[in-house]
Structures are given as C-alpha cells and as structure tokens.
Amino acid sequence: MLILTLELALPGLRSLKARRGVLEPLKQRLRRDLNLSVSELPSGDRPERARLGLAAVVQSRAQGDAQLEKIRSMVGREPRLTVLDEEFEYW
C-alpha cells in the first residue's frame, strides 16, 4: 500500500468555498482516473493552504513508484495550486 500526503499552496484564494472549487475536481479526477482513496486533511481555515491524503493498493514498490509519478503529473497539471511538500511511505 502506498500512502501519500501532499501539502498544497493555493495562491490568491480568499475563501474556503474557492478552495473547494479547486480541490473537489482534482480529488474526483484522482479517484476516477487513478483509482485512489483521497481525503482532504485538516490544514486550518486558511483558504490558500490545503493538505491531501491519498492511498493506493500496490503490489510492489515499482508499481507504487509508477503510481506516484502519475499522481505528481496529474496534480502538476492543476495551474491554481503548487505542491509545497510531499511525504510518502509503503506498507
């Protein structure tokens, strides 16, 4: 199993509603296209910051590494956010 936490910056957003407007479509794409479990983690009430927790069942580290690259690519295509930090581990 691959567990990934992403710290995100969403510059210019001034409301939690605007943050949801960016994050919800991204979370749906990650779930649909990559078959991931995705959840928004507590990050305070600052609309310009967010944390996502992602989990994927993988059978090998190589498969997990390939999944990580797909996740990075998909998140990287979202112009309204920047990845500040990521932490991942295999179980």
PDB file of N, CA and C in Angstrom:
ATOM      1  N   MET A   1       0.842  -1.174   0.000  1.00  0.00           N
ATOM      2  CA  MET A   1       0.000   0.000   0.000  1.00  0.00           C
ATOM      3  C   MET A   1       0.891   1.243   0.000  1.00  0.00           C
ATOM      4  N   LEU A   2       0.493   2.206  -0.779  1.00  0.00           N
ATOM      5  CA  LEU A   2       1.177   3.494  -0.872  1.00  0.00           C
ATOM      6  C   LEU A   2       0.327   4.535  -0.154  1.00  0.00           C
ATOM      7  N   ILE A   3       0.944   5.260   0.773  1.00  0.00           N
ATOM      8  CA  ILE A   3       0.287   6.354   1.490  1.00  0.00           C
ATOM      9  C   ILE A   3       1.047   7.633   1.153  1.00  0.00           C
ATOM     10  N   LEU A   4       0.326   8.652   0.711  1.00  0.00           N
ATOM     11  CA  LEU A   4       0.946   9.910   0.281  1.00  0.00           C
ATOM     12  C   LEU A   4       0.197  11.074   0.919  1.00  0.00           C
ATOM     13  N   THR A   5       0.949  12.025   1.432  1.00  0.00           N
ATOM     14  CA  THR A   5       0.380  13.275   1.944  1.00  0.00           C
ATOM     15  C   THR A   5       0.984  14.423   1.156  1.00  0.00           C
ATOM     16  N   LEU A   6       0.122  15.296   0.652  1.00  0.00           N
ATOM     17  CA  LEU A   6       0.553  16.460  -0.117  1.00  0.00           C
ATOM     18  C   LEU A   6       0.188  17.733   0.627  1.00  0.00           C
ATOM     19  N   GLU A   7       1.158  18.618   0.776  1.00  0.00           N
ATOM     20  CA  GLU A   7       0.930  19.972   1.296  1.00  0.00           C
ATOM     21  C   GLU A   7       0.830  20.881   0.083  1.00  0.00           C
ATOM     22  N   LEU A   8      -0.270  21.608  -0.021  1.00  0.00           N
ATOM     23  CA  LEU A   8      -0.526  22.411  -1.212  1.00  0.00           C
ATOM     24  C   LEU A   8      -0.689  23.886  -0.870  1.00  0.00           C
ATOM     25  N   ALA A   9      -0.224  24.731  -1.774  1.00  0.00           N
ATOM     26  CA  ALA A   9      -0.487  26.170  -1.713  1.00  0.00           C
ATOM     27  C   ALA A   9      -1.450  26.492  -2.841  1.00  0.00           C
ATOM     28  N   LEU A  10      -2.452  27.288  -2.516  1.00  0.00           N
ATOM     29  CA  LEU A  10      -3.433  27.733  -3.497  1.00  0.00           C
ATOM     30  C   LEU A  10      -3.429  29.254  -3.496  1.00  0.00           C
ATOM     31  N   PRO A  11      -2.422  29.865  -4.113  1.00  0.00           N
ATOM     32  CA  PRO A  11      -2.256  31.321  -4.023  1.00  0.00           C
ATOM     33  C   PRO A  11      -3.438  32.076  -4.625  1.00  0.00           C
ATOM     34  N   GLY A  12      -3.784  33.152  -3.947  1.00  0.00           N
ATOM     35  CA  GLY A  12      -4.828  34.027  -4.452  1.00  0.00           C
ATOM     36  C   GLY A  12      -6.237  33.649  -4.031  1.00  0.00           C
ATOM     37  N   LEU A  13      -6.422  32.501  -3.397  1.00  0.00           N
ATOM     38  CA  LEU A  13      -7.764  32.127  -2.966  1.00  0.00           C
ATOM     39  C   LEU A  13      -8.089  32.818  -1.644  1.00  0.00           C
ATOM     40  N   ARG A  14      -9.287  33.340  -1.568  1.00  0.00           N
ATOM     41  CA  ARG A  14      -9.659  34.113  -0.382  1.00  0.00           C
ATOM     42  C   ARG A  14     -10.786  33.486   0.436  1.00  0.00           C
ATOM     43  N   SER A  15     -11.304  32.349  -0.012  1.00  0.00           N
ATOM     44  CA  SER A  15     -12.393  31.727   0.740  1.00  0.00           C
ATOM     45  C   SER A  15     -12.266  30.206   0.695  1.00  0.00           C
ATOM     46  N   LEU A  16     -12.869  29.566   1.691  1.00  0.00           N
ATOM     47  CA  LEU A  16     -12.877  28.108   1.721  1.00  0.00           C
ATOM     48  C   LEU A  16     -13.699  27.550   0.565  1.00  0.00           C
ATOM     49  N   LYS A  17     -14.709  28.286   0.151  1.00  0.00           N
ATOM     50  CA  LYS A  17     -15.519  27.862  -0.993  1.00  0.00           C
ATOM     51  C   LYS A  17     -14.674  27.842  -2.270  1.00  0.00           C
ATOM     52  N   ALA A  18     -13.830  28.836  -2.447  1.00  0.00           N
ATOM     53  CA  ALA A  18     -12.944  28.871  -3.615  1.00  0.00           C
ATOM     54  C   ALA A  18     -11.947  27.713  -3.562  1.00  0.00           C
ATOM     55  N   ARG A  19     -11.444  27.413  -2.360  1.00  0.00           N
ATOM     56  CA  ARG A  19     -10.524  26.284  -2.201  1.00  0.00           C
ATOM     57  C   ARG A  19     -11.209  24.976  -2.590  1.00  0.00           C
ATOM     58  N   ARG A  20     -12.425  24.783  -2.136  1.00  0.00           N
ATOM     59  CA  ARG A  20     -13.179  23.582  -2.519  1.00  0.00           C
ATOM     60  C   ARG A  20     -13.384  23.516  -4.022  1.00  0.00           C
ATOM     61  N   GLY A  21     -13.578  24.660  -4.650  1.00  0.00           N
ATOM     62  CA  GLY A  21     -13.767  24.707  -6.095  1.00  0.00           C
ATOM     63  C   GLY A  21     -12.559  24.228  -6.874  1.00  0.00           C
ATOM     64  N   VAL A  22     -11.382  24.338  -6.277  1.00  0.00           N
ATOM     65  CA  VAL A  22     -10.154  23.838  -6.906  1.00  0.00           C
ATOM     66  C   VAL A  22      -9.920  22.378  -6.529  1.00  0.00           C
ATOM     67  N   LEU A  23     -10.099  22.060  -5.243  1.00  0.00           N
ATOM     68  CA  LEU A  23      -9.740  20.734  -4.759  1.00  0.00           C
ATOM     69  C   LEU A  23     -10.723  19.633  -5.155  1.00  0.00           C
ATOM     70  N   GLU A  24     -12.016  19.924  -5.134  1.00  0.00           N
ATOM     71  CA  GLU A  24     -13.000  18.861  -5.420  1.00  0.00           C
ATOM     72  C   GLU A  24     -12.821  18.240  -6.805  1.00  0.00           C
ATOM     73  N   PRO A  25     -12.689  19.037  -7.873  1.00  0.00           N
ATOM     74  CA  PRO A  25     -12.472  18.411  -9.181  1.00  0.00           C
ATOM     75  C   PRO A  25     -11.169  17.602  -9.240  1.00  0.00           C
ATOM     76  N   LEU A  26     -10.127  18.082  -8.575  1.00  0.00           N
ATOM     77  CA  LEU A  26      -8.863  17.350  -8.549  1.00  0.00           C
ATOM     78  C   LEU A  26      -9.041  16.022  -7.824  1.00  0.00           C
ATOM     79  N   LYS A  27      -9.685  16.043  -6.668  1.00  0.00           N
ATOM     80  CA  LYS A  27      -9.909  14.811  -5.914  1.00  0.00           C
ATOM     81  C   LYS A  27     -10.736  13.824  -6.733  1.00  0.00           C
ATOM     82  N   GLN A  28     -11.742  14.300  -7.423  1.00  0.00           N
ATOM     83  CA  GLN A  28     -12.572  13.417  -8.247  1.00  0.00           C
ATOM     84  C   GLN A  28     -11.758  12.793  -9.379  1.00  0.00           C
ATOM     85  N   ARG A  29     -10.911  13.577 -10.030  1.00  0.00           N
ATOM     86  CA  ARG A  29     -10.064  13.029 -11.110  1.00  0.00           C
ATOM     87  C   ARG A  29      -9.095  11.977 -10.576  1.00  0.00           C
ATOM     88  N   LEU A  30      -8.481  12.244  -9.426  1.00  0.00           N
ATOM     89  CA  LEU A  30      -7.561  11.283  -8.829  1.00  0.00           C
ATOM     90  C   LEU A  30      -8.283   9.974  -8.500  1.00  0.00           C
ATOM     91  N   ARG A  31      -9.473  10.080  -7.949  1.00  0.00           N
ATOM     92  CA  ARG A  31     -10.257   8.876  -7.629  1.00  0.00           C
ATOM     93  C   ARG A  31     -10.630   8.111  -8.895  1.00  0.00           C
ATOM     94  N   ARG A  32     -11.155   8.836  -9.868  1.00  0.00           N
ATOM     95  CA  ARG A  32     -11.676   8.210 -11.085  1.00  0.00           C
ATOM     96  C   ARG A  32     -10.555   7.656 -11.970  1.00  0.00           C
ATOM     97  N   ASP A  33      -9.553   8.464 -12.238  1.00  0.00           N
ATOM     98  CA  ASP A  33      -8.530   8.080 -13.219  1.00  0.00           C
ATOM     99  C   ASP A  33      -7.443   7.173 -12.653  1.00  0.00           C
ATOM    100  N   LEU A  34      -7.126   7.320 -11.367  1.00  0.00           N
ATOM    101  CA  LEU A  34      -6.033   6.546 -10.781  1.00  0.00           C
ATOM    102  C   LEU A  34      -6.495   5.561  -9.713  1.00  0.00           C
ATOM    103  N   ASN A  35      -7.795   5.516  -9.469  1.00  0.00           N
ATOM    104  CA  ASN A  35      -8.379   4.571  -8.512  1.00  0.00           C
ATOM    105  C   ASN A  35      -7.753   4.723  -7.124  1.00  0.00           C
ATOM    106  N   LEU A  36      -7.684   5.960  -6.654  1.00  0.00           N
ATOM    107  CA  LEU A  36      -7.098   6.270  -5.357  1.00  0.00           C
ATOM    108  C   LEU A  36      -8.174   6.583  -4.336  1.00  0.00           C
ATOM    109  N   SER A  37      -7.833   6.384  -3.077  1.00  0.00           N
ATOM    110  CA  SER A  37      -8.623   6.945  -1.985  1.00  0.00           C
ATOM    111  C   SER A  37      -8.021   8.311  -1.697  1.00  0.00           C
ATOM    112  N   VAL A  38      -8.864   9.332  -1.647  1.00  0.00           N
ATOM    113  CA  VAL A  38      -8.379  10.706  -1.474  1.00  0.00           C
ATOM    114  C   VAL A  38      -9.224  11.393  -0.417  1.00  0.00           C
ATOM    115  N   SER A  39      -8.563  12.099   0.485  1.00  0.00           N
ATOM    116  CA  SER A  39      -9.271  12.842   1.517  1.00  0.00           C
ATOM    117  C   SER A  39      -8.538  14.142   1.798  1.00  0.00           C
ATOM    118  N   GLU A  40      -9.304  15.177   2.060  1.00  0.00           N
ATOM    119  CA  GLU A  40      -8.703  16.436   2.489  1.00  0.00           C
ATOM    120  C   GLU A  40      -8.452  16.342   3.984  1.00  0.00           C
ATOM    121  N   LEU A  41      -7.228  16.620   4.395  1.00  0.00           N
ATOM    122  CA  LEU A  41      -6.823  16.538   5.794  1.00  0.00           C
ATOM    123  C   LEU A  41      -6.896  17.915   6.429  1.00  0.00           C
ATOM    124  N   PRO A  42      -7.049  17.974   7.744  1.00  0.00           N
ATOM    125  CA  PRO A  42      -7.097  19.273   8.412  1.00  0.00           C
ATOM    126  C   PRO A  42      -5.850  20.097   8.118  1.00  0.00           C
ATOM    127  N   SER A  43      -6.081  21.351   7.755  1.00  0.00           N
ATOM    128  CA  SER A  43      -4.951  22.252   7.477  1.00  0.00           C
ATOM    129  C   SER A  43      -5.233  23.646   8.002  1.00  0.00           C
ATOM    130  N   GLY A  44      -6.215  23.761   8.859  1.00  0.00           N
ATOM    131  CA  GLY A  44      -6.599  25.077   9.352  1.00  0.00           C
ATOM    132  C   GLY A  44      -7.607  25.708   8.414  1.00  0.00           C
ATOM    133  N   ASP A  45      -8.012  26.903   8.732  1.00  0.00           N
ATOM    134  CA  ASP A  45      -9.022  27.592   7.937  1.00  0.00           C
ATOM    135  C   ASP A  45      -8.414  28.599   6.978  1.00  0.00           C
ATOM    136  N   ARG A  46      -7.195  28.374   6.584  1.00  0.00           N
ATOM    137  CA  ARG A  46      -6.549  29.270   5.624  1.00  0.00           C
ATOM    138  C   ARG A  46      -6.878  28.777   4.224  1.00  0.00           C
ATOM    139  N   PRO A  47      -7.615  29.547   3.444  1.00  0.00           N
ATOM    140  CA  PRO A  47      -8.030  29.078   2.121  1.00  0.00           C
ATOM    141  C   PRO A  47      -6.876  28.893   1.147  1.00  0.00           C
ATOM    142  N   GLU A  48      -5.739  29.508   1.424  1.00  0.00           N
ATOM    143  CA  GLU A  48      -4.623  29.404   0.488  1.00  0.00           C
ATOM    144  C   GLU A  48      -3.718  28.197   0.776  1.00  0.00           C
ATOM    145  N   ARG A  49      -4.088  27.353   1.740  1.00  0.00           N
ATOM    146  CA  ARG A  49      -3.324  26.142   2.064  1.00  0.00           C
ATOM    147  C   ARG A  49      -4.281  24.951   2.160  1.00  0.00           C
ATOM    148  N   ALA A  50      -3.763  23.775   1.799  1.00  0.00           N
ATOM    149  CA  ALA A  50      -4.557  22.554   1.898  1.00  0.00           C
ATOM    150  C   ALA A  50      -3.615  21.360   2.042  1.00  0.00           C
ATOM    151  N   ARG A  51      -4.158  20.284   2.602  1.00  0.00           N
ATOM    152  CA  ARG A  51      -3.439  19.010   2.706  1.00  0.00           C
ATOM    153  C   ARG A  51      -4.344  17.927   2.159  1.00  0.00           C
ATOM    154  N   LEU A  52      -3.774  17.060   1.343  1.00  0.00           N
ATOM    155  CA  LEU A  52      -4.497  15.909   0.824  1.00  0.00           C
ATOM    156  C   LEU A  52      -3.803  14.639   1.277  1.00  0.00           C
ATOM    157  N   GLY A  53      -4.595  13.655   1.661  1.00  0.00           N
ATOM    158  CA  GLY A  53      -4.100  12.324   1.961  1.00  0.00           C
ATOM    159  C   GLY A  53      -4.577  11.385   0.862  1.00  0.00           C
ATOM    160  N   LEU A  54      -3.673  10.593   0.322  1.00  0.00           N
ATOM    161  CA  LEU A  54      -4.003   9.672  -0.764  1.00  0.00           C
ATOM    162  C   LEU A  54      -3.493   8.285  -0.402  1.00  0.00           C
ATOM    163  N   ALA A  55      -4.247   7.274  -0.809  1.00  0.00           N
ATOM    164  CA  ALA A  55      -3.838   5.890  -0.577  1.00  0.00           C
ATOM    165  C   ALA A  55      -4.141   5.068  -1.815  1.00  0.00           C
ATOM    166  N   ALA A  56      -3.223   4.150  -2.117  1.00  0.00           N
ATOM    167  CA  ALA A  56      -3.394   3.249  -3.257  1.00  0.00           C
ATOM    168  C   ALA A  56      -2.888   1.868  -2.867  1.00  0.00           C
ATOM    169  N   VAL A  57      -3.609   0.859  -3.295  1.00  0.00           N
ATOM    170  CA  VAL A  57      -3.142  -0.507  -3.098  1.00  0.00           C
ATOM    171  C   VAL A  57      -2.206  -0.841  -4.248  1.00  0.00           C
ATOM    172  N   VAL A  58      -0.971  -1.165  -3.917  1.00  0.00           N
ATOM    173  CA  VAL A  58       0.028  -1.530  -4.923  1.00  0.00           C
ATOM    174  C   VAL A  58       0.676  -2.846  -4.493  1.00  0.00           C
ATOM    175  N   GLN A  59       1.112  -3.614  -5.472  1.00  0.00           N
ATOM    176  CA  GLN A  59       1.684  -4.920  -5.155  1.00  0.00           C
ATOM    177  C   GLN A  59       3.198  -4.910  -5.055  1.00  0.00           C
ATOM    178  N   SER A  60       3.819  -3.837  -5.504  1.00  0.00           N
ATOM    179  CA  SER A  60       5.274  -3.752  -5.426  1.00  0.00           C
ATOM    180  C   SER A  60       5.689  -2.289  -5.337  1.00  0.00           C
ATOM    181  N   ARG A  61       6.903  -2.073  -4.927  1.00  0.00           N
ATOM    182  CA  ARG A  61       7.426  -0.706  -4.858  1.00  0.00           C
ATOM    183  C   ARG A  61       7.497  -0.092  -6.253  1.00  0.00           C
ATOM    184  N   ALA A  62       7.839  -0.889  -7.257  1.00  0.00           N
ATOM    185  CA  ALA A  62       7.899  -0.380  -8.633  1.00  0.00           C
ATOM    186  C   ALA A  62       6.522   0.106  -9.084  1.00  0.00           C
ATOM    187  N   GLN A  63       5.490  -0.644  -8.763  1.00  0.00           N
ATOM    188  CA  GLN A  63       4.133  -0.229  -9.112  1.00  0.00           C
ATOM    189  C   GLN A  63       3.768   1.050  -8.343  1.00  0.00           C
ATOM    190  N   GLY A  64       4.175   1.138  -7.084  1.00  0.00           N
ATOM    191  CA  GLY A  64       3.927   2.333  -6.289  1.00  0.00           C
ATOM    192  C   GLY A  64       4.657   3.548  -6.841  1.00  0.00           C
ATOM    193  N   ASP A  65       5.898   3.348  -7.258  1.00  0.00           N
ATOM    194  CA  ASP A  65       6.663   4.455  -7.840  1.00  0.00           C
ATOM    195  C   ASP A  65       6.006   4.964  -9.126  1.00  0.00           C
ATOM    196  N   ALA A  66       5.495   4.042  -9.932  1.00  0.00           N
ATOM    197  CA  ALA A  66       4.795   4.437 -11.158  1.00  0.00           C
ATOM    198  C   ALA A  66       3.523   5.213 -10.816  1.00  0.00           C
ATOM    199  N   GLN A  67       2.824   4.769  -9.786  1.00  0.00           N
ATOM    200  CA  GLN A  67       1.607   5.461  -9.349  1.00  0.00           C
ATOM    201  C   GLN A  67       1.950   6.854  -8.833  1.00  0.00           C
ATOM    202  N   LEU A  68       3.051   6.980  -8.092  1.00  0.00           N
ATOM    203  CA  LEU A  68       3.489   8.288  -7.603  1.00  0.00           C
ATOM    204  C   LEU A  68       3.720   9.258  -8.755  1.00  0.00           C
ATOM    205  N   GLU A  69       4.360   8.793  -9.802  1.00  0.00           N
ATOM    206  CA  GLU A  69       4.620   9.658 -10.957  1.00  0.00           C
ATOM    207  C   GLU A  69       3.317  10.102 -11.620  1.00  0.00           C
ATOM    208  N   LYS A  70       2.342   9.225 -11.701  1.00  0.00           N
ATOM    209  CA  LYS A  70       1.042   9.586 -12.275  1.00  0.00           C
ATOM    210  C   LYS A  70       0.346  10.636 -11.413  1.00  0.00           C
ATOM    211  N   ILE A  71       0.439  10.458 -10.103  1.00  0.00           N
ATOM    212  CA  ILE A  71      -0.174  11.427  -9.183  1.00  0.00           C
ATOM    213  C   ILE A  71       0.504  12.786  -9.340  1.00  0.00           C
ATOM    214  N   ARG A  72       1.830  12.788  -9.316  1.00  0.00           N
ATOM    215  CA  ARG A  72       2.572  14.050  -9.460  1.00  0.00           C
ATOM    216  C   ARG A  72       2.223  14.748 -10.761  1.00  0.00           C
ATOM    217  N   SER A  73       2.101  13.976 -11.818  1.00  0.00           N
ATOM    218  CA  SER A  73       1.762  14.544 -13.122  1.00  0.00           C
ATOM    219  C   SER A  73       0.375  15.171 -13.109  1.00  0.00           C
ATOM    220  N   MET A  74      -0.596  14.442 -12.561  1.00  0.00           N
ATOM    221  CA  MET A  74      -1.962  14.950 -12.541  1.00  0.00           C
ATOM    222  C   MET A  74      -2.076  16.205 -11.670  1.00  0.00           C
ATOM    223  N   VAL A  75      -1.476  16.177 -10.496  1.00  0.00           N
ATOM    224  CA  VAL A  75      -1.525  17.343  -9.602  1.00  0.00           C
ATOM    225  C   VAL A  75      -0.761  18.506 -10.230  1.00  0.00           C
ATOM    226  N   GLY A  76       0.346  18.215 -10.888  1.00  0.00           N
ATOM    227  CA  GLY A  76       1.156  19.249 -11.512  1.00  0.00           C
ATOM    228  C   GLY A  76       0.461  19.967 -12.656  1.00  0.00           C
ATOM    229  N   ARG A  77      -0.547  19.335 -13.240  1.00  0.00           N
ATOM    230  CA  ARG A  77      -1.294  19.971 -14.333  1.00  0.00           C
ATOM    231  C   ARG A  77      -2.344  20.961 -13.836  1.00  0.00           C
ATOM    232  N   GLU A  78      -2.543  21.047 -12.531  1.00  0.00           N
ATOM    233  CA  GLU A  78      -3.514  21.994 -11.972  1.00  0.00           C
ATOM    234  C   GLU A  78      -2.803  23.328 -11.754  1.00  0.00           C
ATOM    235  N   PRO A  79      -3.089  24.337 -12.598  1.00  0.00           N
ATOM    236  CA  PRO A  79      -2.338  25.595 -12.533  1.00  0.00           C
ATOM    237  C   PRO A  79      -2.643  26.449 -11.302  1.00  0.00           C
ATOM    238  N   ARG A  80      -3.727  26.165 -10.603  1.00  0.00           N
ATOM    239  CA  ARG A  80      -4.109  27.008  -9.469  1.00  0.00           C
ATOM    240  C   ARG A  80      -3.495  26.571  -8.148  1.00  0.00           C
ATOM    241  N   LEU A  81      -2.641  25.548  -8.185  1.00  0.00           N
ATOM    242  CA  LEU A  81      -2.010  25.117  -6.935  1.00  0.00           C
ATOM    243  C   LEU A  81      -0.556  24.753  -7.154  1.00  0.00           C
ATOM    244  N   THR A  82       0.180  24.746  -6.049  1.00  0.00           N
ATOM    245  CA  THR A  82       1.593  24.388  -6.037  1.00  0.00           C
ATOM    246  C   THR A  82       1.808  23.379  -4.922  1.00  0.00           C
ATOM    247  N   VAL A  83       2.562  22.321  -5.206  1.00  0.00           N
ATOM    248  CA  VAL A  83       2.902  21.347  -4.176  1.00  0.00           C
ATOM    249  C   VAL A  83       4.073  21.900  -3.364  1.00  0.00           C
ATOM    250  N   LEU A  84       3.847  22.083  -2.075  1.00  0.00           N
ATOM    251  CA  LEU A  84       4.888  22.587  -1.183  1.00  0.00           C
ATOM    252  C   LEU A  84       5.722  21.459  -0.608  1.00  0.00           C
ATOM    253  N   ASP A  85       5.065  20.329  -0.325  1.00  0.00           N
ATOM    254  CA  ASP A  85       5.754  19.220   0.300  1.00  0.00           C
ATOM    255  C   ASP A  85       4.968  17.946   0.031  1.00  0.00           C
ATOM    256  N   GLU A  86       5.673  16.839   0.025  1.00  0.00           N
ATOM    257  CA  GLU A  86       5.018  15.541  -0.078  1.00  0.00           C
ATOM    258  C   GLU A  86       5.756  14.550   0.806  1.00  0.00           C
ATOM    259  N   GLU A  87       4.996  13.674   1.411  1.00  0.00           N
ATOM    260  CA  GLU A  87       5.549  12.590   2.204  1.00  0.00           C
ATOM    261  C   GLU A  87       4.856  11.321   1.764  1.00  0.00           C
ATOM    262  N   PHE A  88       5.634  10.264   1.564  1.00  0.00           N
ATOM    263  CA  PHE A  88       5.014   9.006   1.186  1.00  0.00           C
ATOM    264  C   PHE A  88       5.721   7.854   1.889  1.00  0.00           C
ATOM    265  N   GLU A  89       4.983   6.782   2.016  1.00  0.00           N
ATOM    266  CA  GLU A  89       5.542   5.568   2.593  1.00  0.00           C
ATOM    267  C   GLU A  89       4.810   4.367   2.035  1.00  0.00           C
ATOM    268  N   TYR A  90       5.471   3.235   2.097  1.00  0.00           N
ATOM    269  CA  TYR A  90       4.887   1.988   1.639  1.00  0.00           C
ATOM    270  C   TYR A  90       4.617   1.122   2.856  1.00  0.00           C
ATOM    271  N   TRP A  91       3.498   0.417   2.824  1.00  0.00           N
ATOM    272  CA  TRP A  91       3.142  -0.522   3.897  1.00  0.00           C
ATOM    273  C   TRP A  91       3.138  -1.911   3.343  1.00  0.00           C
TER     274      TRP A  91
END
